[in-house]
Amino acid sequence: MSGHSVDDIKKSVKIYIGVFATLAVLTVVTVAASYLNLSNGEAFFLAMIIASVKGTLVAGYFMHLFSERTTILAVLGLTFFFLITLLFLPYITFIDHAVI
């Protein structure tokens, strides 16, 4: 933490408190929605929307997906490269051993 200034830390704390408050409000909304007279499909749809918003907040801020975009894209690119390599590895070995 030696590379962070006090202002940066205060800004991060404000963001985390705001996200926590939003998650708390969305939890109250989820509980309140359970008391609504909705069909099973409507209740499920509403619950999934609320859960998706909460999941996006958690992943985006607490897992730093919003602030570290270049690192994440680099890791995704490397993962995609290895995926393609592993998918074509059996094909390459088959071609190498094929008798023409």
C-alpha atoms as a PDB file:
ATOM      1  CA  MET A   1       0.000   0.000   0.000  1.00  0.00           C
ATOM      2  CA  SER A   2       3.027   2.273  -0.132  1.00  0.00           C
ATOM      3  CA  GLY A   3       2.063   3.399  -3.654  1.00  0.00           C
ATOM      4  CA  HIS A   4      -1.350   4.709  -2.603  1.00  0.00           C
ATOM      5  CA  SER A   5      -1.982   8.166  -1.264  1.00  0.00           C
ATOM      6  CA  VAL A   6      -4.393   8.934   1.547  1.00  0.00           C
ATOM      7  CA  ASP A   7      -6.788  10.551  -0.928  1.00  0.00           C
ATOM      8  CA  ASP A   8      -6.842   7.409  -3.094  1.00  0.00           C
ATOM      9  CA  ILE A   9      -7.644   5.262  -0.076  1.00  0.00           C
ATOM     10  CA  LYS A  10     -10.399   7.625   1.070  1.00  0.00           C
ATOM     11  CA  LYS A  11     -11.890   7.565  -2.425  1.00  0.00           C
ATOM     12  CA  SER A  12     -11.825   3.752  -2.450  1.00  0.00           C
ATOM     13  CA  VAL A  13     -13.452   3.585   0.973  1.00  0.00           C
ATOM     14  CA  LYS A  14     -16.237   5.906  -0.204  1.00  0.00           C
ATOM     15  CA  ILE A  15     -16.849   3.704  -3.229  1.00  0.00           C
ATOM     16  CA  TYR A  16     -16.887   0.512  -1.136  1.00  0.00           C
ATOM     17  CA  ILE A  17     -19.284   2.032   1.396  1.00  0.00           C
ATOM     18  CA  GLY A  18     -21.548   3.155  -1.445  1.00  0.00           C
ATOM     19  CA  VAL A  19     -21.512  -0.312  -2.984  1.00  0.00           C
ATOM     20  CA  PHE A  20     -22.222  -1.866   0.418  1.00  0.00           C
ATOM     21  CA  ALA A  21     -25.158   0.489   0.967  1.00  0.00           C
ATOM     22  CA  THR A  22     -26.510  -0.310  -2.492  1.00  0.00           C
ATOM     23  CA  LEU A  23     -26.205  -4.041  -1.809  1.00  0.00           C
ATOM     24  CA  ALA A  24     -28.034  -3.585   1.499  1.00  0.00           C
ATOM     25  CA  VAL A  25     -30.840  -1.664  -0.215  1.00  0.00           C
ATOM     26  CA  LEU A  26     -31.106  -4.314  -2.927  1.00  0.00           C
ATOM     27  CA  THR A  27     -31.314  -7.004  -0.247  1.00  0.00           C
ATOM     28  CA  VAL A  28     -34.223  -5.138   1.345  1.00  0.00           C
ATOM     29  CA  VAL A  29     -35.818  -4.849  -2.113  1.00  0.00           C
ATOM     30  CA  THR A  30     -35.396  -8.607  -2.601  1.00  0.00           C
ATOM     31  CA  VAL A  31     -37.106  -9.354   0.707  1.00  0.00           C
ATOM     32  CA  ALA A  32     -39.871  -6.847  -0.055  1.00  0.00           C
ATOM     33  CA  ALA A  33     -40.364  -8.406  -3.492  1.00  0.00           C
ATOM     34  CA  SER A  34     -40.931 -11.794  -1.877  1.00  0.00           C
ATOM     35  CA  TYR A  35     -44.065 -10.389  -0.233  1.00  0.00           C
ATOM     36  CA  LEU A  36     -45.543  -9.214  -3.544  1.00  0.00           C
ATOM     37  CA  ASN A  37     -48.367 -11.209  -5.046  1.00  0.00           C
ATOM     38  CA  LEU A  38     -46.493 -12.400  -8.144  1.00  0.00           C
ATOM     39  CA  SER A  39     -46.664 -15.633 -10.098  1.00  0.00           C
ATOM     40  CA  ASN A  40     -43.699 -17.983  -9.844  1.00  0.00           C
ATOM     41  CA  GLY A  41     -42.335 -16.884 -13.222  1.00  0.00           C
ATOM     42  CA  GLU A  42     -42.616 -13.189 -12.431  1.00  0.00           C
ATOM     43  CA  ALA A  43     -41.070 -13.639  -8.991  1.00  0.00           C
ATOM     44  CA  PHE A  44     -38.202 -15.638 -10.480  1.00  0.00           C
ATOM     45  CA  PHE A  45     -37.621 -13.011 -13.190  1.00  0.00           C
ATOM     46  CA  LEU A  46     -37.611 -10.175 -10.638  1.00  0.00           C
ATOM     47  CA  ALA A  47     -35.278 -12.083  -8.310  1.00  0.00           C
ATOM     48  CA  MET A  48     -32.851 -12.786 -11.172  1.00  0.00           C
ATOM     49  CA  ILE A  49     -32.792  -9.123 -12.190  1.00  0.00           C
ATOM     50  CA  ILE A  50     -32.008  -8.026  -8.631  1.00  0.00           C
ATOM     51  CA  ALA A  51     -29.409 -10.786  -8.234  1.00  0.00           C
ATOM     52  CA  SER A  52     -27.777  -9.810 -11.532  1.00  0.00           C
ATOM     53  CA  VAL A  53     -27.442  -6.194 -10.424  1.00  0.00           C
ATOM     54  CA  LYS A  54     -25.983  -7.279  -7.081  1.00  0.00           C
ATOM     55  CA  GLY A  55     -23.599  -9.719  -8.769  1.00  0.00           C
ATOM     56  CA  THR A  56     -22.435  -7.043 -11.186  1.00  0.00           C
ATOM     57  CA  LEU A  57     -21.702  -4.677  -8.296  1.00  0.00           C
ATOM     58  CA  VAL A  58     -19.761  -7.320  -6.367  1.00  0.00           C
ATOM     59  CA  ALA A  59     -17.774  -8.495  -9.388  1.00  0.00           C
ATOM     60  CA  GLY A  60     -17.164  -5.001 -10.689  1.00  0.00           C
ATOM     61  CA  TYR A  61     -15.995  -3.307  -7.513  1.00  0.00           C
ATOM     62  CA  PHE A  62     -14.870  -5.943  -5.011  1.00  0.00           C
ATOM     63  CA  MET A  63     -13.170  -8.101  -7.658  1.00  0.00           C
ATOM     64  CA  HIS A  64     -11.803  -4.966  -9.427  1.00  0.00           C
ATOM     65  CA  LEU A  65     -13.267  -5.861 -12.824  1.00  0.00           C
ATOM     66  CA  PHE A  66     -14.190  -2.242 -13.553  1.00  0.00           C
ATOM     67  CA  SER A  67     -10.838  -0.689 -12.654  1.00  0.00           C
ATOM     68  CA  GLU A  68      -8.378  -3.252 -14.053  1.00  0.00           C
ATOM     69  CA  ARG A  69      -9.765  -3.638 -17.560  1.00  0.00           C
ATOM     70  CA  THR A  70      -6.402  -3.937 -19.394  1.00  0.00           C
ATOM     71  CA  THR A  71      -5.129  -6.677 -17.095  1.00  0.00           C
ATOM     72  CA  ILE A  72      -8.357  -8.615 -17.450  1.00  0.00           C
ATOM     73  CA  LEU A  73      -8.293  -8.319 -21.240  1.00  0.00           C
ATOM     74  CA  ALA A  74      -4.690  -9.537 -21.298  1.00  0.00           C
ATOM     75  CA  VAL A  75      -5.572 -12.560 -19.162  1.00  0.00           C
ATOM     76  CA  LEU A  76      -8.620 -13.286 -21.333  1.00  0.00           C
ATOM     77  CA  GLY A  77      -6.500 -13.065 -24.473  1.00  0.00           C
ATOM     78  CA  LEU A  78      -3.937 -15.455 -23.044  1.00  0.00           C
ATOM     79  CA  THR A  79      -6.715 -17.817 -21.963  1.00  0.00           C
ATOM     80  CA  PHE A  80      -8.239 -17.730 -25.454  1.00  0.00           C
ATOM     81  CA  PHE A  81      -4.828 -18.502 -26.997  1.00  0.00           C
ATOM     82  CA  PHE A  82      -4.382 -21.554 -24.765  1.00  0.00           C
ATOM     83  CA  LEU A  83      -7.959 -22.664 -25.456  1.00  0.00           C
ATOM     84  CA  ILE A  84      -7.371 -22.618 -29.209  1.00  0.00           C
ATOM     85  CA  THR A  85      -4.016 -24.351 -28.770  1.00  0.00           C
ATOM     86  CA  LEU A  86      -5.512 -27.127 -26.654  1.00  0.00           C
ATOM     87  CA  LEU A  87      -8.465 -27.552 -29.010  1.00  0.00           C
ATOM     88  CA  PHE A  88      -6.226 -27.977 -32.050  1.00  0.00           C
ATOM     89  CA  LEU A  89      -3.525 -30.057 -30.334  1.00  0.00           C
ATOM     90  CA  PRO A  90      -5.259 -33.415 -31.014  1.00  0.00           C
ATOM     91  CA  TYR A  91      -5.810 -32.406 -34.648  1.00  0.00           C
ATOM     92  CA  ILE A  92      -2.168 -31.413 -35.063  1.00  0.00           C
ATOM     93  CA  THR A  93      -0.929 -34.697 -33.590  1.00  0.00           C
ATOM     94  CA  PHE A  94      -3.352 -36.645 -35.806  1.00  0.00           C
ATOM     95  CA  ILE A  95      -2.061 -34.877 -38.928  1.00  0.00           C
ATOM     96  CA  ASP A  96       1.524 -35.470 -37.792  1.00  0.00           C
ATOM     97  CA  HIS A  97       0.927 -39.229 -37.474  1.00  0.00           C
ATOM     98  CA  ALA A  98      -1.272 -39.622 -40.558  1.00  0.00           C
ATOM     99  CA  VAL A  99       0.113 -41.751 -43.365  1.00  0.00           C
ATOM    100  CA  ILE A 100      -0.421 -40.216 -46.769  1.00  0.00           C
END
